[in-house]
PDB file of N, CA and C in Angstrom:
ATOM      1  N   MET A   1      -7.998  -3.135  -2.345  1.00  0.00           N
ATOM      2  CA  MET A   1      -8.006  -3.523  -3.737  1.00  0.00           C
ATOM      3  C   MET A   1      -8.884  -2.538  -4.512  1.00  0.00           C
ATOM      4  N   ILE A   2      -8.506  -2.284  -5.738  1.00  0.00           N
ATOM      5  CA  ILE A   2      -9.340  -1.488  -6.634  1.00  0.00           C
ATOM      6  C   ILE A   2      -9.834  -2.407  -7.742  1.00  0.00           C
ATOM      7  N   VAL A   3     -11.022  -2.140  -8.222  1.00  0.00           N
ATOM      8  CA  VAL A   3     -11.613  -2.954  -9.290  1.00  0.00           C
ATOM      9  C   VAL A   3     -11.473  -2.196 -10.601  1.00  0.00           C
ATOM     10  N   VAL A   4     -10.865  -2.853 -11.581  1.00  0.00           N
ATOM     11  CA  VAL A   4     -10.686  -2.286 -12.917  1.00  0.00           C
ATOM     12  C   VAL A   4     -11.225  -3.283 -13.941  1.00  0.00           C
ATOM     13  N   THR A   5     -11.324  -2.846 -15.195  1.00  0.00           N
ATOM     14  CA  THR A   5     -11.964  -3.645 -16.240  1.00  0.00           C
ATOM     15  C   THR A   5     -10.992  -3.928 -17.379  1.00  0.00           C
ATOM     16  N   ARG A   6     -10.874  -5.197 -17.733  1.00  0.00           N
ATOM     17  CA  ARG A   6     -10.058  -5.582 -18.895  1.00  0.00           C
ATOM     18  C   ARG A   6     -10.769  -5.137 -20.165  1.00  0.00           C
ATOM     19  N   LEU A   7     -10.062  -5.148 -21.274  1.00  0.00           N
ATOM     20  CA  LEU A   7     -10.657  -4.739 -22.550  1.00  0.00           C
ATOM     21  C   LEU A   7     -11.807  -5.649 -22.966  1.00  0.00           C
ATOM     22  N   ASN A   8     -11.823  -6.913 -22.497  1.00  0.00           N
ATOM     23  CA  ASN A   8     -12.912  -7.834 -22.841  1.00  0.00           C
ATOM     24  C   ASN A   8     -14.131  -7.666 -21.936  1.00  0.00           C
ATOM     25  N   GLY A   9     -14.085  -6.702 -21.016  1.00  0.00           N
ATOM     26  CA  GLY A   9     -15.212  -6.416 -20.133  1.00  0.00           C
ATOM     27  C   GLY A   9     -15.149  -7.108 -18.785  1.00  0.00           C
ATOM     28  N   ALA A  10     -14.221  -8.022 -18.605  1.00  0.00           N
ATOM     29  CA  ALA A  10     -14.098  -8.722 -17.325  1.00  0.00           C
ATOM     30  C   ALA A  10     -13.472  -7.796 -16.286  1.00  0.00           C
ATOM     31  N   GLN A  11     -14.085  -7.776 -15.111  1.00  0.00           N
ATOM     32  CA  GLN A  11     -13.548  -6.959 -14.028  1.00  0.00           C
ATOM     33  C   GLN A  11     -12.619  -7.803 -13.159  1.00  0.00           C
ATOM     34  N   PHE A  12     -11.614  -7.157 -12.597  1.00  0.00           N
ATOM     35  CA  PHE A  12     -10.730  -7.830 -11.653  1.00  0.00           C
ATOM     36  C   PHE A  12     -10.212  -6.807 -10.657  1.00  0.00           C
ATOM     37  N   ALA A  13      -9.746  -7.298  -9.538  1.00  0.00           N
ATOM     38  CA  ALA A  13      -9.236  -6.425  -8.483  1.00  0.00           C
ATOM     39  C   ALA A  13      -7.720  -6.504  -8.458  1.00  0.00           C
ATOM     40  N   VAL A  14      -7.104  -5.378  -8.199  1.00  0.00           N
ATOM     41  CA  VAL A  14      -5.647  -5.305  -8.137  1.00  0.00           C
ATOM     42  C   VAL A  14      -5.253  -4.521  -6.884  1.00  0.00           C
ATOM     43  N   ASN A  15      -4.148  -4.920  -6.289  1.00  0.00           N
ATOM     44  CA  ASN A  15      -3.630  -4.227  -5.119  1.00  0.00           C
ATOM     45  C   ASN A  15      -2.853  -2.996  -5.588  1.00  0.00           C
ATOM     46  N   PRO A  16      -3.328  -1.792  -5.281  1.00  0.00           N
ATOM     47  CA  PRO A  16      -2.654  -0.579  -5.757  1.00  0.00           C
ATOM     48  C   PRO A  16      -1.226  -0.434  -5.244  1.00  0.00           C
ATOM     49  N   ASP A  17      -0.911  -1.053  -4.109  1.00  0.00           N
ATOM     50  CA  ASP A  17       0.450  -0.966  -3.588  1.00  0.00           C
ATOM     51  C   ASP A  17       1.443  -1.710  -4.474  1.00  0.00           C
ATOM     52  N   LEU A  18       0.943  -2.583  -5.352  1.00  0.00           N
ATOM     53  CA  LEU A  18       1.824  -3.362  -6.215  1.00  0.00           C
ATOM     54  C   LEU A  18       1.932  -2.789  -7.624  1.00  0.00           C
ATOM     55  N   ILE A  19       1.295  -1.631  -7.858  1.00  0.00           N
ATOM     56  CA  ILE A  19       1.418  -0.969  -9.158  1.00  0.00           C
ATOM     57  C   ILE A  19       2.697  -0.141  -9.145  1.00  0.00           C
ATOM     58  N   GLU A  20       3.596  -0.443 -10.074  1.00  0.00           N
ATOM     59  CA  GLU A  20       4.856   0.303 -10.165  1.00  0.00           C
ATOM     60  C   GLU A  20       4.669   1.587 -10.950  1.00  0.00           C
ATOM     61  N   ARG A  21       3.960   1.479 -12.080  1.00  0.00           N
ATOM     62  CA  ARG A  21       3.702   2.663 -12.908  1.00  0.00           C
ATOM     63  C   ARG A  21       2.503   2.392 -13.796  1.00  0.00           C
ATOM     64  N   MET A  22       1.986   3.467 -14.393  1.00  0.00           N
ATOM     65  CA  MET A  22       0.859   3.376 -15.318  1.00  0.00           C
ATOM     66  C   MET A  22       1.142   4.304 -16.480  1.00  0.00           C
ATOM     67  N   TYR A  23       0.621   3.940 -17.631  1.00  0.00           N
ATOM     68  CA  TYR A  23       0.715   4.843 -18.771  1.00  0.00           C
ATOM     69  C   TYR A  23      -0.468   4.606 -19.692  1.00  0.00           C
ATOM     70  N   ALA A  24      -0.741   5.597 -20.527  1.00  0.00           N
ATOM     71  CA  ALA A  24      -1.831   5.510 -21.498  1.00  0.00           C
ATOM     72  C   ALA A  24      -1.245   5.741 -22.876  1.00  0.00           C
ATOM     73  N   SER A  25      -1.438   4.744 -23.779  1.00  0.00           N
ATOM     74  CA  SER A  25      -0.890   4.906 -25.133  1.00  0.00           C
ATOM     75  C   SER A  25      -1.610   4.053 -26.167  1.00  0.00           C
ATOM     76  N   PRO A  26      -2.825   4.222 -26.533  1.00  0.00           N
ATOM     77  CA  PRO A  26      -3.847   5.052 -25.889  1.00  0.00           C
ATOM     78  C   PRO A  26      -4.537   4.339 -24.731  1.00  0.00           C
ATOM     79  N   ASP A  27      -4.475   2.978 -24.686  1.00  0.00           N
ATOM     80  CA  ASP A  27      -5.122   2.264 -23.580  1.00  0.00           C
ATOM     81  C   ASP A  27      -4.294   2.414 -22.308  1.00  0.00           C
ATOM     82  N   THR A  28      -4.977   2.404 -21.178  1.00  0.00           N
ATOM     83  CA  THR A  28      -4.290   2.516 -19.897  1.00  0.00           C
ATOM     84  C   THR A  28      -3.671   1.172 -19.548  1.00  0.00           C
ATOM     85  N   THR A  29      -2.381   1.194 -19.256  1.00  0.00           N
ATOM     86  CA  THR A  29      -1.650  -0.017 -18.895  1.00  0.00           C
ATOM     87  C   THR A  29      -1.119   0.124 -17.479  1.00  0.00           C
ATOM     88  N   LEU A  30      -1.410  -0.877 -16.649  1.00  0.00           N
ATOM     89  CA  LEU A  30      -0.866  -0.936 -15.298  1.00  0.00           C
ATOM     90  C   LEU A  30       0.339  -1.862 -15.340  1.00  0.00           C
ATOM     91  N   VAL A  31       1.473  -1.392 -14.885  1.00  0.00           N
ATOM     92  CA  VAL A  31       2.680  -2.214 -14.814  1.00  0.00           C
ATOM     93  C   VAL A  31       2.930  -2.502 -13.338  1.00  0.00           C
ATOM     94  N   MET A  32       2.925  -3.772 -12.997  1.00  0.00           N
ATOM     95  CA  MET A  32       3.063  -4.187 -11.611  1.00  0.00           C
ATOM     96  C   MET A  32       4.542  -4.329 -11.244  1.00  0.00           C
ATOM     97  N   VAL A  33       4.823  -4.399  -9.947  1.00  0.00           N
ATOM     98  CA  VAL A  33       6.210  -4.506  -9.499  1.00  0.00           C
ATOM     99  C   VAL A  33       6.867  -5.801  -9.963  1.00  0.00           C
ATOM    100  N   ASP A  34       6.081  -6.832 -10.238  1.00  0.00           N
ATOM    101  CA  ASP A  34       6.650  -8.095 -10.723  1.00  0.00           C
ATOM    102  C   ASP A  34       6.788  -8.127 -12.241  1.00  0.00           C
ATOM    103  N   GLY A  35       6.453  -7.001 -12.904  1.00  0.00           N
ATOM    104  CA  GLY A  35       6.578  -6.911 -14.353  1.00  0.00           C
ATOM    105  C   GLY A  35       5.315  -7.246 -15.119  1.00  0.00           C
ATOM    106  N   ALA A  36       4.304  -7.791 -14.445  1.00  0.00           N
ATOM    107  CA  ALA A  36       3.034  -8.097 -15.116  1.00  0.00           C
ATOM    108  C   ALA A  36       2.408  -6.802 -15.613  1.00  0.00           C
ATOM    109  N   LYS A  37       1.739  -6.881 -16.760  1.00  0.00           N
ATOM    110  CA  LYS A  37       1.071  -5.708 -17.331  1.00  0.00           C
ATOM    111  C   LYS A  37      -0.398  -6.032 -17.533  1.00  0.00           C
ATOM    112  N   TYR A  38      -1.242  -5.074 -17.188  1.00  0.00           N
ATOM    113  CA  TYR A  38      -2.682  -5.207 -17.372  1.00  0.00           C
ATOM    114  C   TYR A  38      -3.174  -3.998 -18.151  1.00  0.00           C
ATOM    115  N   ILE A  39      -3.891  -4.252 -19.237  1.00  0.00           N
ATOM    116  CA  ILE A  39      -4.505  -3.176 -20.016  1.00  0.00           C
ATOM    117  C   ILE A  39      -5.951  -3.079 -19.565  1.00  0.00           C
ATOM    118  N   VAL A  40      -6.373  -1.871 -19.196  1.00  0.00           N
ATOM    119  CA  VAL A  40      -7.711  -1.674 -18.639  1.00  0.00           C
ATOM    120  C   VAL A  40      -8.458  -0.591 -19.411  1.00  0.00           C
ATOM    121  N   THR A  41      -9.787  -0.630 -19.301  1.00  0.00           N
ATOM    122  CA  THR A  41     -10.619   0.331 -20.028  1.00  0.00           C
ATOM    123  C   THR A  41     -10.669   1.691 -19.337  1.00  0.00           C
ATOM    124  N   GLU A  42     -10.444   1.720 -18.026  1.00  0.00           N
ATOM    125  CA  GLU A  42     -10.481   2.984 -17.293  1.00  0.00           C
ATOM    126  C   GLU A  42      -9.335   3.880 -17.751  1.00  0.00           C
ATOM    127  N   GLY A  43      -9.608   5.163 -17.799  1.00  0.00           N
ATOM    128  CA  GLY A  43      -8.572   6.124 -18.158  1.00  0.00           C
ATOM    129  C   GLY A  43      -7.559   6.277 -17.034  1.00  0.00           C
ATOM    130  N   LEU A  44      -6.426   6.856 -17.355  1.00  0.00           N
ATOM    131  CA  LEU A  44      -5.357   7.056 -16.383  1.00  0.00           C
ATOM    132  C   LEU A  44      -5.854   7.841 -15.167  1.00  0.00           C
ATOM    133  N   GLY A  45      -6.571   8.929 -15.415  1.00  0.00           N
ATOM    134  CA  GLY A  45      -7.106   9.741 -14.317  1.00  0.00           C
ATOM    135  C   GLY A  45      -8.089   8.977 -13.451  1.00  0.00           C
ATOM    136  N   ALA A  46      -8.909   8.126 -14.082  1.00  0.00           N
ATOM    137  CA  ALA A  46      -9.887   7.338 -13.329  1.00  0.00           C
ATOM    138  C   ALA A  46      -9.184   6.335 -12.418  1.00  0.00           C
ATOM    139  N   VAL A  47      -8.114   5.716 -12.905  1.00  0.00           N
ATOM    140  CA  VAL A  47      -7.376   4.762 -12.069  1.00  0.00           C
ATOM    141  C   VAL A  47      -6.709   5.499 -10.908  1.00  0.00           C
ATOM    142  N   ILE A  48      -6.160   6.659 -11.175  1.00  0.00           N
ATOM    143  CA  ILE A  48      -5.558   7.457 -10.103  1.00  0.00           C
ATOM    144  C   ILE A  48      -6.611   7.817  -9.063  1.00  0.00           C
ATOM    145  N   ASP A  49      -7.814   8.186  -9.506  1.00  0.00           N
ATOM    146  CA  ASP A  49      -8.903   8.493  -8.571  1.00  0.00           C
ATOM    147  C   ASP A  49      -9.287   7.268  -7.749  1.00  0.00           C
ATOM    148  N   LEU A  50      -9.329   6.087  -8.379  1.00  0.00           N
ATOM    149  CA  LEU A  50      -9.636   4.849  -7.649  1.00  0.00           C
ATOM    150  C   LEU A  50      -8.586   4.588  -6.564  1.00  0.00           C
ATOM    151  N   ILE A  51      -7.328   4.803  -6.909  1.00  0.00           N
ATOM    152  CA  ILE A  51      -6.248   4.584  -5.943  1.00  0.00           C
ATOM    153  C   ILE A  51      -6.348   5.579  -4.793  1.00  0.00           C
ATOM    154  N   ALA A  52      -6.609   6.844  -5.101  1.00  0.00           N
ATOM    155  CA  ALA A  52      -6.740   7.866  -4.056  1.00  0.00           C
ATOM    156  C   ALA A  52      -7.900   7.539  -3.121  1.00  0.00           C
ATOM    157  N   ALA A  53      -9.033   7.110  -3.679  1.00  0.00           N
ATOM    158  CA  ALA A  53     -10.190   6.746  -2.854  1.00  0.00           C
ATOM    159  C   ALA A  53      -9.866   5.531  -1.989  1.00  0.00           C
ATOM    160  N   TRP A  54      -9.152   4.559  -2.556  1.00  0.00           N
ATOM    161  CA  TRP A  54      -8.775   3.364  -1.796  1.00  0.00           C
ATOM    162  C   TRP A  54      -7.880   3.744  -0.624  1.00  0.00           C
ATOM    163  N   ARG A  55      -6.888   4.599  -0.879  1.00  0.00           N
ATOM    164  CA  ARG A  55      -5.986   5.015   0.198  1.00  0.00           C
ATOM    165  C   ARG A  55      -6.745   5.799   1.277  1.00  0.00           C
ATOM    166  N   ALA A  56      -7.685   6.623   0.872  1.00  0.00           N
ATOM    167  CA  ALA A  56      -8.498   7.373   1.837  1.00  0.00           C
ATOM    168  C   ALA A  56      -9.316   6.413   2.698  1.00  0.00           C
ATOM    169  N   ARG A  57      -9.867   5.357   2.077  1.00  0.00           N
ATOM    170  CA  ARG A  57     -10.625   4.353   2.846  1.00  0.00           C
ATOM    171  C   ARG A  57      -9.724   3.641   3.846  1.00  0.00           C
ATOM    172  N   VAL A  58      -8.508   3.317   3.444  1.00  0.00           N
ATOM    173  CA  VAL A  58      -7.570   2.653   4.356  1.00  0.00           C
ATOM    174  C   VAL A  58      -7.294   3.548   5.560  1.00  0.00           C
ATOM    175  N   LEU A  59      -7.013   4.824   5.309  1.00  0.00           N
ATOM    176  CA  LEU A  59      -6.725   5.749   6.405  1.00  0.00           C
ATOM    177  C   LEU A  59      -7.944   5.961   7.295  1.00  0.00           C
ATOM    178  N   ALA A  60      -9.125   6.099   6.698  1.00  0.00           N
ATOM    179  CA  ALA A  60     -10.345   6.299   7.483  1.00  0.00           C
ATOM    180  C   ALA A  60     -10.639   5.078   8.345  1.00  0.00           C
ATOM    181  N   THR A  61     -10.436   3.902   7.784  1.00  0.00           N
ATOM    182  CA  THR A  61     -10.663   2.672   8.549  1.00  0.00           C
ATOM    183  C   THR A  61      -9.682   2.580   9.709  1.00  0.00           C
ATOM    184  N   ALA A  62      -8.420   2.899   9.464  1.00  0.00           N
ATOM    185  CA  ALA A  62      -7.413   2.854  10.526  1.00  0.00           C
ATOM    186  C   ALA A  62      -7.747   3.858  11.623  1.00  0.00           C
ATOM    187  N   ARG A  63      -8.206   5.030  11.232  1.00  0.00           N
ATOM    188  CA  ARG A  63      -8.563   6.058  12.212  1.00  0.00           C
ATOM    189  C   ARG A  63      -9.714   5.595  13.096  1.00  0.00           C
ATOM    190  N   ASP A  64     -10.648   4.847  12.526  1.00  0.00           N
ATOM    191  CA  ASP A  64     -11.832   4.425  13.263  1.00  0.00           C
ATOM    192  C   ASP A  64     -11.623   3.174  14.112  1.00  0.00           C
ATOM    193  N   LEU A  65     -10.486   2.509  13.973  1.00  0.00           N
ATOM    194  CA  LEU A  65     -10.228   1.316  14.776  1.00  0.00           C
ATOM    195  C   LEU A  65     -10.033   1.713  16.230  1.00  0.00           C
ATOM    196  N   PRO A  66     -10.530   0.897  17.148  1.00  0.00           N
ATOM    197  CA  PRO A  66     -10.327   1.219  18.561  1.00  0.00           C
ATOM    198  C   PRO A  66      -8.857   1.054  18.945  1.00  0.00           C
ATOM    199  N   VAL A  67      -8.422   1.888  19.871  1.00  0.00           N
ATOM    200  CA  VAL A  67      -7.063   1.772  20.391  1.00  0.00           C
ATOM    201  C   VAL A  67      -7.108   0.748  21.511  1.00  0.00           C
ATOM    202  N   LEU A  68      -6.347  -0.308  21.359  1.00  0.00           N
ATOM    203  CA  LEU A  68      -6.352  -1.379  22.348  1.00  0.00           C
ATOM    204  C   LEU A  68      -5.254  -1.156  23.373  1.00  0.00           C
ATOM    205  N   ALA A  69      -5.567  -1.497  24.613  1.00  0.00           N
ATOM    206  CA  ALA A  69      -4.561  -1.423  25.668  1.00  0.00           C
ATOM    207  C   ALA A  69      -3.543  -2.536  25.444  1.00  0.00           C
ATOM    208  N   PRO A  70      -2.287  -2.296  25.799  1.00  0.00           N
ATOM    209  CA  PRO A  70      -1.294  -3.357  25.626  1.00  0.00           C
ATOM    210  C   PRO A  70      -1.620  -4.558  26.504  1.00  0.00           C
ATOM    211  N   GLU A  71      -1.210  -5.718  26.049  1.00  0.00           N
ATOM    212  CA  GLU A  71      -1.404  -6.940  26.823  1.00  0.00           C
ATOM    213  C   GLU A  71      -0.615  -6.831  28.126  1.00  0.00           C
ATOM    214  N   PRO A  72      -1.155  -7.360  29.223  1.00  0.00           N
ATOM    215  CA  PRO A  72      -0.397  -7.336  30.481  1.00  0.00           C
ATOM    216  C   PRO A  72       0.949  -8.046  30.301  1.00  0.00           C
ATOM    217  N   GLY A  73       1.998  -7.404  30.754  1.00  0.00           N
ATOM    218  CA  GLY A  73       3.330  -7.993  30.662  1.00  0.00           C
ATOM    219  C   GLY A  73       4.016  -7.777  29.326  1.00  0.00           C
ATOM    220  N   ALA A  74       3.335  -7.146  28.371  1.00  0.00           N
ATOM    221  CA  ALA A  74       3.944  -6.915  27.055  1.00  0.00           C
ATOM    222  C   ALA A  74       5.046  -5.872  27.180  1.00  0.00           C
ATOM    223  N   ARG A  75       6.124  -6.097  26.463  1.00  0.00           N
ATOM    224  CA  ARG A  75       7.229  -5.146  26.477  1.00  0.00           C
ATOM    225  C   ARG A  75       7.025  -4.133  25.359  1.00  0.00           C
ATOM    226  N   PRO A  76       7.305  -2.856  25.625  1.00  0.00           N
ATOM    227  CA  PRO A  76       7.157  -1.851  24.565  1.00  0.00           C
ATOM    228  C   PRO A  76       8.234  -2.045  23.495  1.00  0.00           C
ATOM    229  N   LEU A  77       7.941  -1.579  22.310  1.00  0.00           N
ATOM    230  CA  LEU A  77       8.925  -1.632  21.234  1.00  0.00           C
ATOM    231  C   LEU A  77      10.086  -0.702  21.553  1.00  0.00           C
ATOM    232  N   SER A  78      11.272  -1.082  21.113  1.00  0.00           N
ATOM    233  CA  SER A  78      12.435  -0.227  21.308  1.00  0.00           C
ATOM    234  C   SER A  78      13.399  -0.442  20.153  1.00  0.00           C
ATOM    235  N   ILE A  79      14.329   0.463  20.014  1.00  0.00           N
ATOM    236  CA  ILE A  79      15.332   0.371  18.957  1.00  0.00           C
ATOM    237  C   ILE A  79      16.416  -0.597  19.405  1.00  0.00           C
ATOM    238  N   VAL A  80      16.790  -1.510  18.529  1.00  0.00           N
ATOM    239  CA  VAL A  80      17.875  -2.446  18.812  1.00  0.00           C
ATOM    240  C   VAL A  80      19.087  -1.962  18.035  1.00  0.00           C
ATOM    241  N   HIS A  81      20.139  -1.659  18.742  1.00  0.00           N
ATOM    242  CA  HIS A  81      21.361  -1.154  18.120  1.00  0.00           C
ATOM    243  C   HIS A  81      22.287  -2.315  17.798  1.00  0.00           C
ATOM    244  N   SER A  82      23.089  -2.144  16.764  1.00  0.00           N
ATOM    245  CA  SER A  82      24.108  -3.141  16.451  1.00  0.00           C
ATOM    246  C   SER A  82      25.171  -3.083  17.544  1.00  0.00           C
ATOM    247  N   PRO A  83      25.961  -4.154  17.714  1.00  0.00           N
ATOM    248  CA  PRO A  83      26.978  -4.136  18.780  1.00  0.00           C
ATOM    249  C   PRO A  83      27.915  -2.932  18.691  1.00  0.00           C
ATOM    250  N   ALA A  84      28.311  -2.538  17.495  1.00  0.00           N
ATOM    251  CA  ALA A  84      29.221  -1.397  17.350  1.00  0.00           C
ATOM    252  C   ALA A  84      28.552  -0.106  17.785  1.00  0.00           C
ATOM    253  N   SER A  85      27.320   0.115  17.366  1.00  0.00           N
ATOM    254  CA  SER A  85      26.650   1.365  17.731  1.00  0.00           C
ATOM    255  C   SER A  85      26.182   1.338  19.176  1.00  0.00           C
ATOM    256  N   ALA A  86      25.943   0.148  19.749  1.00  0.00           N
ATOM    257  CA  ALA A  86      25.516   0.056  21.143  1.00  0.00           C
ATOM    258  C   ALA A  86      26.631   0.523  22.069  1.00  0.00           C
ATOM    259  N   ALA A  87      27.877   0.244  21.700  1.00  0.00           N
ATOM    260  CA  ALA A  87      29.006   0.677  22.523  1.00  0.00           C
ATOM    261  C   ALA A  87      29.114   2.194  22.551  1.00  0.00           C
ATOM    262  N   GLU A  88      28.662   2.849  21.501  1.00  0.00           N
ATOM    263  CA  GLU A  88      28.734   4.303  21.411  1.00  0.00           C
ATOM    264  C   GLU A  88      27.571   4.988  22.116  1.00  0.00           C
ATOM    265  N   GLN A  89      26.493   4.266  22.365  1.00  0.00           N
ATOM    266  CA  GLN A  89      25.288   4.844  22.947  1.00  0.00           C
ATOM    267  C   GLN A  89      25.288   4.641  24.460  1.00  0.00           C
ATOM    268  N   PRO A  90      24.827   5.650  25.205  1.00  0.00           N
ATOM    269  CA  PRO A  90      24.680   5.444  26.645  1.00  0.00           C
ATOM    270  C   PRO A  90      23.528   4.473  26.899  1.00  0.00           C
ATOM    271  N   PRO A  91      23.592   3.701  27.974  1.00  0.00           N
ATOM    272  CA  PRO A  91      22.499   2.763  28.259  1.00  0.00           C
ATOM    273  C   PRO A  91      21.195   3.512  28.492  1.00  0.00           C
ATOM    274  N   GLN A  92      20.106   2.927  28.036  1.00  0.00           N
ATOM    275  CA  GLN A  92      18.791   3.555  28.199  1.00  0.00           C
ATOM    276  C   GLN A  92      17.969   2.738  29.182  1.00  0.00           C
ATOM    277  N   HIS A  93      17.314   3.435  30.087  1.00  0.00           N
ATOM    278  CA  HIS A  93      16.503   2.753  31.097  1.00  0.00           C
ATOM    279  C   HIS A  93      15.076   3.136  30.970  1.00  0.00           C
TER     280      HIS A  93
END
């Protein structure tokens, strides 16, 4: 989540993955995928920087997570073909 500020000074957090687009005319407006619009005091460039920093934190956190061994007896992931395409593919072992 990124924290942005409404025009009345109240701060709120928004999920950057749900921002469809942004524009400044002159206030910065965040348009969400559900059509909701939020006008914020941060400039367009500042919001973009917040999103970039958030994405970097997500990647850094994922990189630092320990790699866990699979559970005993767990089956590995595999591609499931549709019946039509399965007939065209050789069996995989």
